[in-house]
Amino acid sequence: MPTHGSLTKAGKVRAQTPKIEPQPRTRIAPKQRTRSNYTKRIIHAPRDERGGGRRQRF
């Protein structure tokens, strides 16, 4: 079976590409993210959307 290109050229482009350092990730802790979502959705929500609407039964 013929191959698609020779194995001597494998990885040529990746080896020639300059290395770029990754930027540091600044993620907040899950507990802080949950707290900020709560304040965004519940505390700062308009008055109409806080307690209004249909009650769901479980």
PDB file of N, CA and C in Angstrom:
ATOM      1  N   MET A   1       0.830  -1.181   0.000  1.00  0.00           N
ATOM      2  CA  MET A   1       0.000   0.000   0.000  1.00  0.00           C
ATOM      3  C   MET A   1       0.874   1.243   0.000  1.00  0.00           C
ATOM      4  N   PRO A   2       0.610   2.190  -0.864  1.00  0.00           N
ATOM      5  CA  PRO A   2       1.424   3.407  -0.862  1.00  0.00           C
ATOM      6  C   PRO A   2       1.074   4.282   0.337  1.00  0.00           C
ATOM      7  N   THR A   3       2.061   5.043   0.782  1.00  0.00           N
ATOM      8  CA  THR A   3       1.845   5.938   1.921  1.00  0.00           C
ATOM      9  C   THR A   3       1.651   7.371   1.433  1.00  0.00           C
ATOM     10  N   HIS A   4       1.114   8.184   2.252  1.00  0.00           N
ATOM     11  CA  HIS A   4       0.909   9.596   1.933  1.00  0.00           C
ATOM     12  C   HIS A   4       2.108  10.384   2.447  1.00  0.00           C
ATOM     13  N   GLY A   5       3.127  10.478   1.690  1.00  0.00           N
ATOM     14  CA  GLY A   5       4.318  11.218   2.101  1.00  0.00           C
ATOM     15  C   GLY A   5       5.308  10.304   2.815  1.00  0.00           C
ATOM     16  N   SER A   6       6.550  10.732   2.844  1.00  0.00           N
ATOM     17  CA  SER A   6       7.574   9.900   3.478  1.00  0.00           C
ATOM     18  C   SER A   6       7.639  10.191   4.975  1.00  0.00           C
ATOM     19  N   LEU A   7       8.096   9.190   5.716  1.00  0.00           N
ATOM     20  CA  LEU A   7       8.189   9.341   7.159  1.00  0.00           C
ATOM     21  C   LEU A   7       9.362  10.222   7.575  1.00  0.00           C
ATOM     22  N   THR A   8      10.292  10.495   6.666  1.00  0.00           N
ATOM     23  CA  THR A   8      11.424  11.341   7.026  1.00  0.00           C
ATOM     24  C   THR A   8      11.012  12.796   7.195  1.00  0.00           C
ATOM     25  N   LYS A   9       9.890  13.170   6.582  1.00  0.00           N
ATOM     26  CA  LYS A   9       9.419  14.550   6.696  1.00  0.00           C
ATOM     27  C   LYS A   9       8.360  14.727   7.782  1.00  0.00           C
ATOM     28  N   ALA A  10       8.120  13.728   8.580  1.00  0.00           N
ATOM     29  CA  ALA A  10       7.061  13.805   9.588  1.00  0.00           C
ATOM     30  C   ALA A  10       7.410  14.821  10.663  1.00  0.00           C
ATOM     31  N   GLY A  11       6.486  15.704  10.991  1.00  0.00           N
ATOM     32  CA  GLY A  11       6.679  16.702  12.039  1.00  0.00           C
ATOM     33  C   GLY A  11       7.483  17.902  11.604  1.00  0.00           C
ATOM     34  N   LYS A  12       7.699  18.087  10.313  1.00  0.00           N
ATOM     35  CA  LYS A  12       8.552  19.172   9.818  1.00  0.00           C
ATOM     36  C   LYS A  12       7.955  20.542  10.135  1.00  0.00           C
ATOM     37  N   VAL A  13       6.684  20.731   9.880  1.00  0.00           N
ATOM     38  CA  VAL A  13       6.061  22.040  10.069  1.00  0.00           C
ATOM     39  C   VAL A  13       5.986  22.386  11.551  1.00  0.00           C
ATOM     40  N   ARG A  14       5.631  21.423  12.371  1.00  0.00           N
ATOM     41  CA  ARG A  14       5.521  21.685  13.805  1.00  0.00           C
ATOM     42  C   ARG A  14       6.872  22.016  14.414  1.00  0.00           C
ATOM     43  N   ALA A  15       7.913  21.375  13.933  1.00  0.00           N
ATOM     44  CA  ALA A  15       9.243  21.654  14.459  1.00  0.00           C
ATOM     45  C   ALA A  15       9.712  23.050  14.066  1.00  0.00           C
ATOM     46  N   GLN A  16       9.286  23.560  12.915  1.00  0.00           N
ATOM     47  CA  GLN A  16       9.711  24.873  12.457  1.00  0.00           C
ATOM     48  C   GLN A  16       8.900  26.011  13.078  1.00  0.00           C
ATOM     49  N   THR A  17       7.742  25.695  13.645  1.00  0.00           N
ATOM     50  CA  THR A  17       6.887  26.726  14.214  1.00  0.00           C
ATOM     51  C   THR A  17       7.501  27.254  15.505  1.00  0.00           C
ATOM     52  N   PRO A  18       7.579  28.591  15.677  1.00  0.00           N
ATOM     53  CA  PRO A  18       8.147  29.129  16.914  1.00  0.00           C
ATOM     54  C   PRO A  18       7.261  28.823  18.118  1.00  0.00           C
ATOM     55  N   LYS A  19       7.906  28.576  19.231  1.00  0.00           N
ATOM     56  CA  LYS A  19       7.194  28.244  20.455  1.00  0.00           C
ATOM     57  C   LYS A  19       6.668  29.515  21.107  1.00  0.00           C
ATOM     58  N   ILE A  20       5.388  29.527  21.434  1.00  0.00           N
ATOM     59  CA  ILE A  20       4.765  30.651  22.109  1.00  0.00           C
ATOM     60  C   ILE A  20       4.309  30.176  23.484  1.00  0.00           C
ATOM     61  N   GLU A  21       4.697  30.917  24.505  1.00  0.00           N
ATOM     62  CA  GLU A  21       4.324  30.539  25.870  1.00  0.00           C
ATOM     63  C   GLU A  21       2.824  30.771  26.076  1.00  0.00           C
ATOM     64  N   PRO A  22       2.147  29.845  26.736  1.00  0.00           N
ATOM     65  CA  PRO A  22       0.719  30.041  26.989  1.00  0.00           C
ATOM     66  C   PRO A  22       0.496  31.152  28.011  1.00  0.00           C
ATOM     67  N   GLN A  23      -0.606  31.876  27.855  1.00  0.00           N
ATOM     68  CA  GLN A  23      -0.927  32.928  28.805  1.00  0.00           C
ATOM     69  C   GLN A  23      -1.505  32.312  30.064  1.00  0.00           C
ATOM     70  N   PRO A  24      -1.182  32.880  31.216  1.00  0.00           N
ATOM     71  CA  PRO A  24      -1.711  32.297  32.468  1.00  0.00           C
ATOM     72  C   PRO A  24      -3.219  32.460  32.540  1.00  0.00           C
ATOM     73  N   ARG A  25      -3.870  31.437  33.019  1.00  0.00           N
ATOM     74  CA  ARG A  25      -5.320  31.455  33.139  1.00  0.00           C
ATOM     75  C   ARG A  25      -5.696  32.025  34.501  1.00  0.00           C
ATOM     76  N   THR A  26      -6.643  32.908  34.482  1.00  0.00           N
ATOM     77  CA  THR A  26      -7.112  33.485  35.742  1.00  0.00           C
ATOM     78  C   THR A  26      -8.558  33.055  35.932  1.00  0.00           C
ATOM     79  N   ARG A  27      -8.736  31.953  36.569  1.00  0.00           N
ATOM     80  CA  ARG A  27     -10.064  31.435  36.848  1.00  0.00           C
ATOM     81  C   ARG A  27     -10.387  31.658  38.318  1.00  0.00           C
ATOM     82  N   ILE A  28     -11.638  32.003  38.565  1.00  0.00           N
ATOM     83  CA  ILE A  28     -12.039  32.151  39.952  1.00  0.00           C
ATOM     84  C   ILE A  28     -12.506  30.793  40.464  1.00  0.00           C
ATOM     85  N   ALA A  29     -12.480  30.645  41.772  1.00  0.00           N
ATOM     86  CA  ALA A  29     -12.875  29.383  42.392  1.00  0.00           C
ATOM     87  C   ALA A  29     -14.363  29.138  42.149  1.00  0.00           C
ATOM     88  N   PRO A  30     -14.786  27.874  42.073  1.00  0.00           N
ATOM     89  CA  PRO A  30     -16.195  27.570  41.807  1.00  0.00           C
ATOM     90  C   PRO A  30     -17.146  28.179  42.834  1.00  0.00           C
ATOM     91  N   LYS A  31     -16.719  28.244  44.100  1.00  0.00           N
ATOM     92  CA  LYS A  31     -17.584  28.822  45.133  1.00  0.00           C
ATOM     93  C   LYS A  31     -17.802  30.315  44.877  1.00  0.00           C
ATOM     94  N   GLN A  32     -16.767  31.016  44.478  1.00  0.00           N
ATOM     95  CA  GLN A  32     -16.889  32.441  44.184  1.00  0.00           C
ATOM     96  C   GLN A  32     -17.718  32.672  42.922  1.00  0.00           C
ATOM     97  N   ARG A  33     -17.565  31.785  41.930  1.00  0.00           N
ATOM     98  CA  ARG A  33     -18.348  31.909  40.699  1.00  0.00           C
ATOM     99  C   ARG A  33     -19.833  31.710  40.989  1.00  0.00           C
ATOM    100  N   THR A  34     -20.161  30.740  41.845  1.00  0.00           N
ATOM    101  CA  THR A  34     -21.549  30.497  42.203  1.00  0.00           C
ATOM    102  C   THR A  34     -22.132  31.691  42.935  1.00  0.00           C
ATOM    103  N   ARG A  35     -21.341  32.273  43.829  1.00  0.00           N
ATOM    104  CA  ARG A  35     -21.802  33.428  44.591  1.00  0.00           C
ATOM    105  C   ARG A  35     -22.057  34.631  43.678  1.00  0.00           C
ATOM    106  N   SER A  36     -21.157  34.854  42.717  1.00  0.00           N
ATOM    107  CA  SER A  36     -21.345  35.981  41.808  1.00  0.00           C
ATOM    108  C   SER A  36     -22.548  35.756  40.899  1.00  0.00           C
ATOM    109  N   ASN A  37     -22.777  34.516  40.473  1.00  0.00           N
ATOM    110  CA  ASN A  37     -23.968  34.216  39.667  1.00  0.00           C
ATOM    111  C   ASN A  37     -25.241  34.473  40.464  1.00  0.00           C
ATOM    112  N   TYR A  38     -25.209  34.125  41.750  1.00  0.00           N
ATOM    113  CA  TYR A  38     -26.371  34.342  42.616  1.00  0.00           C
ATOM    114  C   TYR A  38     -26.686  35.832  42.727  1.00  0.00           C
ATOM    115  N   THR A  39     -25.650  36.637  42.947  1.00  0.00           N
ATOM    116  CA  THR A  39     -25.895  38.069  43.083  1.00  0.00           C
ATOM    117  C   THR A  39     -26.372  38.672  41.768  1.00  0.00           C
ATOM    118  N   LYS A  40     -25.834  38.182  40.649  1.00  0.00           N
ATOM    119  CA  LYS A  40     -26.263  38.694  39.348  1.00  0.00           C
ATOM    120  C   LYS A  40     -27.715  38.328  39.053  1.00  0.00           C
ATOM    121  N   ARG A  41     -28.075  37.076  39.294  1.00  0.00           N
ATOM    122  CA  ARG A  41     -29.385  36.586  38.883  1.00  0.00           C
ATOM    123  C   ARG A  41     -30.486  36.901  39.884  1.00  0.00           C
ATOM    124  N   ILE A  42     -30.167  36.810  41.172  1.00  0.00           N
ATOM    125  CA  ILE A  42     -31.207  36.925  42.190  1.00  0.00           C
ATOM    126  C   ILE A  42     -31.232  38.318  42.818  1.00  0.00           C
ATOM    127  N   ILE A  43     -30.102  38.785  43.302  1.00  0.00           N
ATOM    128  CA  ILE A  43     -30.061  40.040  44.037  1.00  0.00           C
ATOM    129  C   ILE A  43     -30.321  41.229  43.122  1.00  0.00           C
ATOM    130  N   HIS A  44     -29.641  41.276  41.970  1.00  0.00           N
ATOM    131  CA  HIS A  44     -29.746  42.422  41.078  1.00  0.00           C
ATOM    132  C   HIS A  44     -30.779  42.238  39.972  1.00  0.00           C
ATOM    133  N   ALA A  45     -31.642  41.225  40.089  1.00  0.00           N
ATOM    134  CA  ALA A  45     -32.666  41.004  39.078  1.00  0.00           C
ATOM    135  C   ALA A  45     -33.767  42.045  39.236  1.00  0.00           C
ATOM    136  N   PRO A  46     -34.473  42.374  38.166  1.00  0.00           N
ATOM    137  CA  PRO A  46     -35.599  43.301  38.294  1.00  0.00           C
ATOM    138  C   PRO A  46     -36.680  42.730  39.203  1.00  0.00           C
ATOM    139  N   ARG A  47     -37.468  43.603  39.800  1.00  0.00           N
ATOM    140  CA  ARG A  47     -38.468  43.160  40.775  1.00  0.00           C
ATOM    141  C   ARG A  47     -39.485  42.207  40.159  1.00  0.00           C
ATOM    142  N   ASP A  48     -39.791  42.383  38.877  1.00  0.00           N
ATOM    143  CA  ASP A  48     -40.794  41.536  38.237  1.00  0.00           C
ATOM    144  C   ASP A  48     -40.348  40.083  38.170  1.00  0.00           C
ATOM    145  N   GLU A  49     -39.057  39.875  38.029  1.00  0.00           N
ATOM    146  CA  GLU A  49     -38.556  38.513  37.816  1.00  0.00           C
ATOM    147  C   GLU A  49     -38.136  37.816  39.102  1.00  0.00           C
ATOM    148  N   ARG A  50     -38.160  38.525  40.236  1.00  0.00           N
ATOM    149  CA  ARG A  50     -37.675  37.896  41.470  1.00  0.00           C
ATOM    150  C   ARG A  50     -38.600  36.801  41.960  1.00  0.00           C
ATOM    151  N   GLY A  51     -39.825  37.147  42.276  1.00  0.00           N
ATOM    152  CA  GLY A  51     -40.709  36.141  42.839  1.00  0.00           C
ATOM    153  C   GLY A  51     -41.939  35.904  41.999  1.00  0.00           C
ATOM    154  N   GLY A  52     -42.079  36.630  40.914  1.00  0.00           N
ATOM    155  CA  GLY A  52     -43.273  36.509  40.102  1.00  0.00           C
ATOM    156  C   GLY A  52     -43.264  35.265  39.249  1.00  0.00           C
ATOM    157  N   GLY A  53     -44.367  35.031  38.611  1.00  0.00           N
ATOM    158  CA  GLY A  53     -44.454  33.889  37.719  1.00  0.00           C
ATOM    159  C   GLY A  53     -45.115  32.701  38.361  1.00  0.00           C
ATOM    160  N   ARG A  54     -45.166  31.619  37.620  1.00  0.00           N
ATOM    161  CA  ARG A  54     -45.810  30.406  38.069  1.00  0.00           C
ATOM    162  C   ARG A  54     -44.933  29.645  39.033  1.00  0.00           C
ATOM    163  N   ARG A  55     -45.518  29.048  40.024  1.00  0.00           N
ATOM    164  CA  ARG A  55     -44.774  28.245  40.982  1.00  0.00           C
ATOM    165  C   ARG A  55     -44.640  26.833  40.443  1.00  0.00           C
ATOM    166  N   GLN A  56     -43.431  26.292  40.488  1.00  0.00           N
ATOM    167  CA  GLN A  56     -43.223  24.927  40.022  1.00  0.00           C
ATOM    168  C   GLN A  56     -43.405  23.962  41.171  1.00  0.00           C
ATOM    169  N   ARG A  57     -44.072  22.883  40.893  1.00  0.00           N
ATOM    170  CA  ARG A  57     -44.260  21.853  41.918  1.00  0.00           C
ATOM    171  C   ARG A  57     -43.381  20.656  41.590  1.00  0.00           C
ATOM    172  N   PHE A  58     -42.766  20.132  42.613  1.00  0.00           N
ATOM    173  CA  PHE A  58     -41.885  18.974  42.403  1.00  0.00           C
ATOM    174  C   PHE A  58     -42.441  17.735  43.034  1.00  0.00           C
TER     175      PHE A  58
END
